[in-house]
Amino acid sequence: MSASTAISTGFVYHEDYLKHDTGNHPESAERLRAIMRKLKEAGITEKMQIIVPLKASKEQIQYVHADEYIKKVKAMCRGGGGMLDLDTPVCRDTYEIALLSAGGVIKAVDEVMDESNDLMRIFALIRPPGHHATSNKGMGFCIFNNIAIAAEHLKRKYGIKRVLIADWDVHHGNGTQELFFDDPSVLYFSTHQYPHYPGTGWMDEVGKGEGEGYTVNVPLPAGVDDIGYLYALNNILAPIAMDFNPEFLLVSVGFDAHSADPLASMNVTSRGFGLFTDVIKEIAEENSKGRIVMALEGGYNLDAIAKSTLSVFNSLLSNAREKKEREMRENEKVRKRVEEVKEVQRKYWSI
């Protein structure tokens, strides 16, 4: 493929993701249907390479999950389904589709790491989501921790020594945090509404042992908008990322910080998620040869999630690198919280 025709952006999708039947539930197949309709209407799918996922192997799921838990999910699905917790239903097909979900992010990583193609930015449009799944428990609509499995895949297959996981889902990714809490090879950064489900993610949760300092939590008050989020990303994520110098960027993309989302109380616009992606692109260009894989997490208003996904893809498809102002009109609560987080993190980073 010549430089003039090279496609650097792709997306993972498979219709089988719709088979994870959750019934009358916020995390439904309609989310992906709405996204795909919007992307096709906008002509976006024609500009990108579609990547067909493969199922993750049991061994790959075991990178982060206990064998007993994997067996539990498989048995429950074989029995026709049930509830992993009060919020997390599974059906007969869920186990196999959860393998395909994790495998979709693994496939995205493999494509970006493949030097024979030009793909550098991939958004995995997958379900079920994953960032709440711990080593031995599914919760918060999540079965297997897709982004954590991908991080381990990067380390084990490619010898990547520094992975940055940025998580802007409105809910704290407690599962991802737990899985890498003592691991200095993975820097986990999360912005999230606090207090809110699942109750974790306070700023003093910084990791332990060799991993101390490699967990960065930015618990934000309700009502934060695009400007507040960008202030946090530019003043905490960007400088710490430059210090960490990641070889690869993974992003847990939740759209539930949108002002229209029914499960949270933030005020982010669809355009805002594209601006967040611009920050990620800048970090990747400076540190990881531009390598980015994003994975879908939450977001439960169908119109909002579709428009927000389109905004992210518009950013990924653009090679423009707009420098964002480091100091913007943030509200006083956000400014104060950012300073508090910086005070905690100065022990570990030049911030």
Protein backbone atom coordinates (compact mmCIF):
# COMPACT_ATOMS: atom_id res chain seq x y z
CA MET A 1 0.00 0.00 0.00
CA SER A 2 1.52 3.31 -1.04
CA ALA A 3 1.90 6.24 1.33
CA SER A 4 -0.81 8.13 -0.52
CA THR A 5 -3.36 5.36 -0.05
CA ALA A 6 -2.25 4.02 3.32
CA ILE A 7 -5.02 3.53 5.85
CA SER A 8 -3.75 4.26 9.35
CA THR A 9 -7.07 3.96 11.21
CA GLY A 10 -9.22 0.89 11.64
CA PHE A 11 -12.03 -0.54 13.72
CA VAL A 12 -12.88 -3.94 15.12
CA TYR A 13 -16.47 -5.12 14.76
CA HIS A 14 -18.44 -8.35 14.41
CA GLU A 15 -22.19 -8.93 14.33
CA ASP A 16 -21.76 -11.75 16.83
CA TYR A 17 -21.25 -9.06 19.50
CA LEU A 18 -25.01 -8.54 19.25
CA LYS A 19 -25.60 -12.10 20.53
CA HIS A 20 -24.70 -11.14 24.10
CA ASP A 21 -28.38 -10.83 25.06
CA THR A 22 -28.85 -8.83 28.25
CA GLY A 23 -32.61 -8.35 27.94
CA ASN A 24 -34.00 -5.02 29.13
CA HIS A 25 -30.67 -3.66 30.28
CA PRO A 26 -28.63 -0.47 29.71
CA GLU A 27 -25.76 -2.45 28.17
CA SER A 28 -27.67 -3.84 25.21
CA ALA A 29 -26.92 -4.77 21.61
CA GLU A 30 -28.70 -1.57 20.55
CA ARG A 31 -25.60 0.35 21.59
CA LEU A 32 -23.51 -1.19 18.80
CA ARG A 33 -26.37 -1.00 16.33
CA ALA A 34 -26.69 2.75 16.97
CA ILE A 35 -22.94 3.24 16.58
CA MET A 36 -22.72 1.33 13.31
CA ARG A 37 -25.71 3.18 11.84
CA LYS A 38 -24.11 6.52 12.63
CA LEU A 39 -20.71 5.55 11.22
CA LYS A 40 -22.28 4.27 7.98
CA GLU A 41 -24.46 7.37 7.61
CA ALA A 42 -21.38 9.56 7.98
CA GLY A 43 -19.37 7.49 5.47
CA ILE A 44 -16.76 6.77 8.12
CA THR A 45 -16.64 3.01 7.62
CA GLU A 46 -15.49 3.52 4.02
CA LYS A 47 -12.44 5.45 5.22
CA MET A 48 -11.20 2.80 7.60
CA GLN A 49 -10.09 -0.80 7.56
CA ILE A 50 -12.48 -3.19 9.29
CA ILE A 51 -10.74 -5.78 11.42
CA VAL A 52 -12.45 -9.11 12.02
CA PRO A 53 -11.87 -10.30 15.59
CA LEU A 54 -10.85 -13.77 16.67
CA LYS A 55 -11.82 -15.36 19.96
CA ALA A 56 -9.27 -15.10 22.72
CA SER A 57 -7.95 -18.42 23.91
CA LYS A 58 -8.56 -19.62 27.44
CA GLU A 59 -4.84 -19.15 28.05
CA GLN A 60 -5.10 -15.50 27.05
CA ILE A 61 -8.06 -14.95 29.38
CA GLN A 62 -5.96 -16.55 32.11
CA TYR A 63 -3.42 -13.75 31.73
CA VAL A 64 -5.57 -11.83 34.21
CA HIS A 65 -8.45 -14.07 35.33
CA ALA A 66 -8.56 -17.00 37.75
CA ASP A 67 -9.33 -20.36 36.20
CA GLU A 68 -12.17 -20.91 38.69
CA TYR A 69 -13.88 -17.71 37.56
CA ILE A 70 -13.53 -18.59 33.87
CA LYS A 71 -15.07 -22.00 34.55
CA LYS A 72 -17.92 -20.35 36.47
CA VAL A 73 -18.83 -18.08 33.54
CA LYS A 74 -18.62 -20.94 31.06
CA ALA A 75 -20.79 -23.22 33.20
CA MET A 76 -23.39 -20.52 33.83
CA CYS A 77 -23.70 -19.86 30.10
CA ARG A 78 -23.92 -23.55 29.25
CA GLY A 79 -26.76 -23.73 31.76
CA GLY A 80 -28.68 -21.08 29.84
CA GLY A 81 -27.45 -17.95 31.60
CA GLY A 82 -27.92 -16.14 34.87
CA MET A 83 -26.53 -13.21 36.86
CA LEU A 84 -22.87 -12.78 37.81
CA ASP A 85 -24.01 -10.02 40.15
CA LEU A 86 -27.08 -7.78 40.45
CA ASP A 87 -26.00 -5.75 37.40
CA THR A 88 -24.32 -8.33 35.17
CA PRO A 89 -26.47 -10.80 33.22
CA VAL A 90 -25.12 -13.55 31.00
CA CYS A 91 -26.99 -15.61 28.40
CA ARG A 92 -26.20 -18.89 26.68
CA ASP A 93 -23.90 -17.14 24.16
CA THR A 94 -22.15 -14.76 26.55
CA TYR A 95 -19.05 -16.85 27.28
CA GLU A 96 -18.17 -17.24 23.60
CA ILE A 97 -18.94 -13.57 22.85
CA ALA A 98 -16.85 -12.44 25.82
CA LEU A 99 -13.96 -14.41 24.31
CA LEU A 100 -14.61 -12.58 21.03
CA SER A 101 -14.69 -9.25 22.84
CA ALA A 102 -11.30 -9.80 24.49
CA GLY A 103 -10.03 -11.28 21.25
CA GLY A 104 -11.11 -8.16 19.38
CA VAL A 105 -8.76 -6.00 21.44
CA ILE A 106 -5.97 -8.57 21.09
CA LYS A 107 -6.47 -8.56 17.31
CA ALA A 108 -6.33 -4.75 17.31
CA VAL A 109 -3.02 -4.86 19.18
CA ASP A 110 -1.62 -7.42 16.73
CA GLU A 111 -2.60 -5.27 13.75
CA VAL A 112 -0.98 -2.15 15.19
CA MET A 113 2.19 -4.07 16.09
CA ASP A 114 2.36 -5.61 12.59
CA GLU A 115 4.95 -3.54 10.74
CA SER A 116 3.78 -4.88 7.37
CA ASN A 117 0.66 -2.68 7.44
CA ASP A 118 0.05 1.00 8.12
CA LEU A 119 -2.53 0.69 10.90
CA MET A 120 -1.59 2.80 13.90
CA ARG A 121 -4.95 3.68 15.48
CA ILE A 122 -7.71 1.14 16.06
CA PHE A 123 -10.98 1.44 17.96
CA ALA A 124 -12.41 -1.93 19.02
CA LEU A 125 -16.21 -1.67 18.95
CA ILE A 126 -16.82 -4.60 21.25
CA ARG A 127 -19.16 -5.86 23.92
CA PRO A 128 -19.45 -6.98 26.64
CA PRO A 129 -17.25 -4.26 28.17
CA GLY A 130 -14.49 -5.10 30.62
CA HIS A 131 -12.89 -2.56 32.94
CA HIS A 132 -14.87 -3.53 36.06
CA ALA A 133 -13.99 -7.23 35.78
CA THR A 134 -11.51 -8.26 38.48
CA SER A 135 -9.34 -11.36 38.55
CA ASN A 136 -12.14 -13.49 39.99
CA LYS A 137 -15.37 -11.53 39.54
CA GLY A 138 -17.56 -10.14 36.80
CA MET A 139 -19.40 -6.96 37.73
CA GLY A 140 -20.70 -3.66 36.38
CA PHE A 141 -21.85 -5.23 33.07
CA CYS A 142 -18.30 -6.62 32.52
CA ILE A 143 -17.30 -10.26 32.02
CA PHE A 144 -13.60 -10.38 31.09
CA ASN A 145 -11.25 -7.40 31.36
CA ASN A 146 -10.57 -6.80 27.67
CA ILE A 147 -8.13 -3.92 28.05
CA ALA A 148 -6.12 -5.66 30.78
CA ILE A 149 -5.82 -8.82 28.69
CA ALA A 150 -4.57 -6.70 25.78
CA ALA A 151 -1.95 -5.08 28.03
CA GLU A 152 -0.67 -8.48 29.11
CA HIS A 153 -0.65 -9.60 25.47
CA LEU A 154 1.57 -6.63 24.59
CA LYS A 155 3.98 -7.55 27.35
CA ARG A 156 4.08 -11.30 26.72
CA LYS A 157 4.04 -11.47 22.92
CA TYR A 158 5.93 -8.30 22.00
CA GLY A 159 8.08 -7.62 25.05
CA ILE A 160 6.55 -4.18 25.57
CA LYS A 161 7.84 -2.86 28.89
CA ARG A 162 5.69 0.27 29.38
CA VAL A 163 1.96 0.31 28.65
CA LEU A 164 -0.27 3.29 29.40
CA ILE A 165 -3.96 2.58 30.00
CA ALA A 166 -6.05 5.75 29.96
CA ASP A 167 -9.64 5.26 31.17
CA TRP A 168 -12.16 8.08 30.77
CA ASP A 169 -15.28 6.02 31.43
CA VAL A 170 -17.41 7.87 33.99
CA HIS A 171 -17.08 4.88 36.33
CA HIS A 172 -13.75 3.98 37.87
CA GLY A 173 -12.15 0.91 36.30
CA ASN A 174 -11.69 -0.95 39.56
CA GLY A 175 -10.88 -4.22 37.79
CA THR A 176 -8.10 -2.75 35.67
CA GLN A 177 -6.68 -0.96 38.70
CA GLU A 178 -6.67 -4.15 40.78
CA LEU A 179 -4.98 -6.21 38.09
CA PHE A 180 -2.02 -3.84 37.73
CA PHE A 181 -1.89 -2.30 41.21
CA ASP A 182 1.58 -3.73 41.93
CA ASP A 183 2.87 -3.68 38.33
CA PRO A 184 5.25 -0.87 37.27
CA SER A 185 5.07 -1.89 33.61
CA VAL A 186 1.47 -0.64 33.32
CA LEU A 187 0.52 2.93 34.17
CA TYR A 188 -3.22 3.10 34.85
CA PHE A 189 -4.81 6.56 34.62
CA SER A 190 -8.51 7.14 35.32
CA THR A 191 -10.81 10.14 35.33
CA HIS A 192 -14.21 9.31 36.82
CA GLN A 193 -17.17 10.74 38.68
CA TYR A 194 -16.70 10.42 42.43
CA PRO A 195 -18.49 9.40 44.56
CA HIS A 196 -20.15 6.99 42.13
CA TYR A 197 -20.20 3.28 41.23
CA PRO A 198 -18.17 1.20 42.09
CA GLY A 199 -16.92 3.38 44.96
CA THR A 200 -13.20 3.01 44.25
CA GLY A 201 -10.73 5.39 42.64
CA TRP A 202 -9.82 7.94 45.29
CA MET A 203 -6.65 9.89 44.57
CA ASP A 204 -4.63 8.18 47.31
CA GLU A 205 -4.98 4.82 45.51
CA VAL A 206 -1.57 4.98 43.83
CA GLY A 207 -0.49 1.34 43.62
CA LYS A 208 1.57 -0.79 45.97
CA GLY A 209 4.99 -2.42 46.14
CA GLU A 210 6.87 -2.04 42.86
CA GLY A 211 3.69 -0.60 41.36
CA GLU A 212 3.47 2.31 43.78
CA GLY A 213 3.04 5.49 41.75
CA TYR A 214 1.81 3.70 38.64
CA THR A 215 -1.90 4.21 39.40
CA VAL A 216 -3.21 7.73 38.86
CA ASN A 217 -6.79 8.49 39.87
CA VAL A 218 -8.56 11.77 39.17
CA PRO A 219 -11.90 11.57 41.03
CA LEU A 220 -14.05 14.38 39.65
CA PRO A 221 -17.21 15.94 41.11
CA ALA A 222 -20.52 15.67 39.24
CA GLY A 223 -21.17 18.21 36.53
CA VAL A 224 -17.72 18.41 34.91
CA ASP A 225 -17.80 19.42 31.23
CA ASP A 226 -15.42 19.21 28.26
CA ILE A 227 -13.22 22.01 29.59
CA GLY A 228 -12.87 20.41 33.03
CA TYR A 229 -11.94 17.03 31.58
CA LEU A 230 -9.43 18.60 29.20
CA TYR A 231 -7.91 20.50 32.09
CA ALA A 232 -7.38 17.23 33.96
CA LEU A 233 -6.01 15.42 30.90
CA ASN A 234 -3.64 18.23 29.95
CA ASN A 235 -2.41 18.94 33.47
CA ILE A 236 -2.14 15.40 34.87
CA LEU A 237 -2.24 12.72 32.16
CA ALA A 238 -0.06 14.51 29.61
CA PRO A 239 2.91 15.39 31.86
CA ILE A 240 2.88 12.02 33.66
CA ALA A 241 2.68 10.19 30.32
CA MET A 242 5.64 12.14 29.01
CA ASP A 243 7.56 11.13 32.14
CA PHE A 244 6.51 7.47 31.86
CA ASN A 245 7.27 7.35 28.09
CA PRO A 246 4.85 4.53 27.17
CA GLU A 247 5.61 2.24 24.26
CA PHE A 248 1.90 1.66 23.59
CA LEU A 249 -1.35 3.43 24.50
CA LEU A 250 -4.54 1.58 25.40
CA VAL A 251 -7.73 3.54 26.08
CA SER A 252 -10.89 2.41 27.89
CA VAL A 253 -13.44 4.52 26.05
CA GLY A 254 -16.63 5.09 27.98
CA PHE A 255 -19.16 7.61 26.74
CA ASP A 256 -21.17 7.72 29.95
CA ALA A 257 -19.69 11.07 30.99
CA HIS A 258 -21.95 12.52 28.28
CA SER A 259 -24.51 15.04 29.52
CA ALA A 260 -27.35 12.85 28.17
CA ASP A 261 -26.24 9.60 29.83
CA PRO A 262 -28.86 8.14 32.19
CA LEU A 263 -26.36 6.50 34.58
CA ALA A 264 -24.15 9.46 35.50
CA SER A 265 -24.14 13.20 36.12
CA MET A 266 -21.40 14.69 33.97
CA ASN A 267 -21.74 17.33 31.20
CA VAL A 268 -19.37 16.21 28.45
CA THR A 269 -20.53 16.77 24.85
CA SER A 270 -20.07 14.40 21.92
CA ARG A 271 -17.47 16.80 20.52
CA GLY A 272 -15.60 16.62 23.81
CA PHE A 273 -14.70 12.97 23.33
CA GLY A 274 -12.99 13.89 20.07
CA LEU A 275 -10.98 16.53 21.93
CA PHE A 276 -9.97 13.93 24.53
CA THR A 277 -8.79 11.73 21.65
CA ASP A 278 -6.66 14.61 20.36
CA VAL A 279 -4.80 14.58 23.70
CA ILE A 280 -4.26 10.81 23.41
CA LYS A 281 -2.95 11.21 19.85
CA GLU A 282 -0.47 13.84 20.95
CA ILE A 283 0.86 11.61 23.73
CA ALA A 284 1.13 8.67 21.32
CA GLU A 285 2.97 10.70 18.69
CA GLU A 286 5.49 11.88 21.26
CA ASN A 287 6.04 8.52 22.97
CA SER A 288 4.69 5.37 21.34
CA LYS A 289 5.25 5.88 17.60
CA GLY A 290 1.57 6.88 17.35
CA ARG A 291 0.35 3.43 18.43
CA ILE A 292 -3.15 3.54 19.96
CA VAL A 293 -5.80 0.88 20.59
CA MET A 294 -9.12 1.96 22.07
CA ALA A 295 -11.80 -0.36 23.45
CA LEU A 296 -15.46 0.45 24.03
CA GLU A 297 -16.62 0.46 27.63
CA GLY A 298 -19.77 2.28 28.85
CA GLY A 299 -22.24 4.82 27.47
CA TYR A 300 -25.98 4.20 27.60
CA ASN A 301 -27.80 6.94 25.69
CA LEU A 302 -28.01 5.61 22.12
CA ASP A 303 -27.88 8.96 20.34
CA ALA A 304 -25.05 10.20 22.55
CA ILE A 305 -22.92 7.08 22.19
CA ALA A 306 -23.33 7.11 18.40
CA LYS A 307 -22.40 10.79 18.01
CA SER A 308 -19.54 10.47 20.50
CA THR A 309 -18.07 7.48 18.66
CA LEU A 310 -18.24 9.46 15.43
CA SER A 311 -16.39 12.32 17.13
CA VAL A 312 -13.62 9.94 18.27
CA PHE A 313 -13.25 8.50 14.77
CA ASN A 314 -13.11 11.98 13.24
CA SER A 315 -10.18 12.68 15.55
CA LEU A 316 -8.47 9.36 14.82
CA LEU A 317 -8.81 9.95 11.06
CA SER A 318 -7.33 13.42 11.25
CA ASN A 319 -3.60 13.94 11.16
CA ALA A 320 -3.96 17.47 12.44
CA ARG A 321 -2.28 17.99 15.78
CA GLU A 322 -4.01 20.93 17.33
CA LYS A 323 -2.17 22.15 20.39
CA LYS A 324 -4.70 22.62 23.16
CA GLU A 325 -4.30 25.40 25.64
CA ARG A 326 -2.82 24.02 28.85
CA GLU A 327 -4.66 26.56 30.98
CA MET A 328 -8.37 26.87 30.25
CA ARG A 329 -11.41 28.18 32.02
CA GLU A 330 -11.98 25.31 34.39
CA ASN A 331 -14.37 25.50 37.30
CA GLU A 332 -12.95 25.97 40.78
CA LYS A 333 -13.84 22.46 41.97
CA VAL A 334 -11.95 20.88 39.06
CA ARG A 335 -8.96 23.17 39.50
CA LYS A 336 -8.79 22.32 43.19
CA ARG A 337 -9.08 18.58 42.58
CA VAL A 338 -6.39 18.65 39.90
CA GLU A 339 -4.04 20.42 42.30
CA GLU A 340 -4.81 17.83 44.99
CA VAL A 341 -4.03 14.97 42.61
CA LYS A 342 -0.83 16.66 41.47
CA GLU A 343 0.24 17.01 45.10
CA VAL A 344 -0.20 13.26 45.59
CA GLN A 345 1.56 12.37 42.34
CA ARG A 346 4.56 14.71 42.74
CA LYS A 347 6.15 12.01 44.87
CA TYR A 348 6.41 9.87 41.74
CA TRP A 349 6.32 12.15 38.69
CA SER A 350 7.57 15.51 37.41
CA ILE A 351 4.21 17.21 37.52
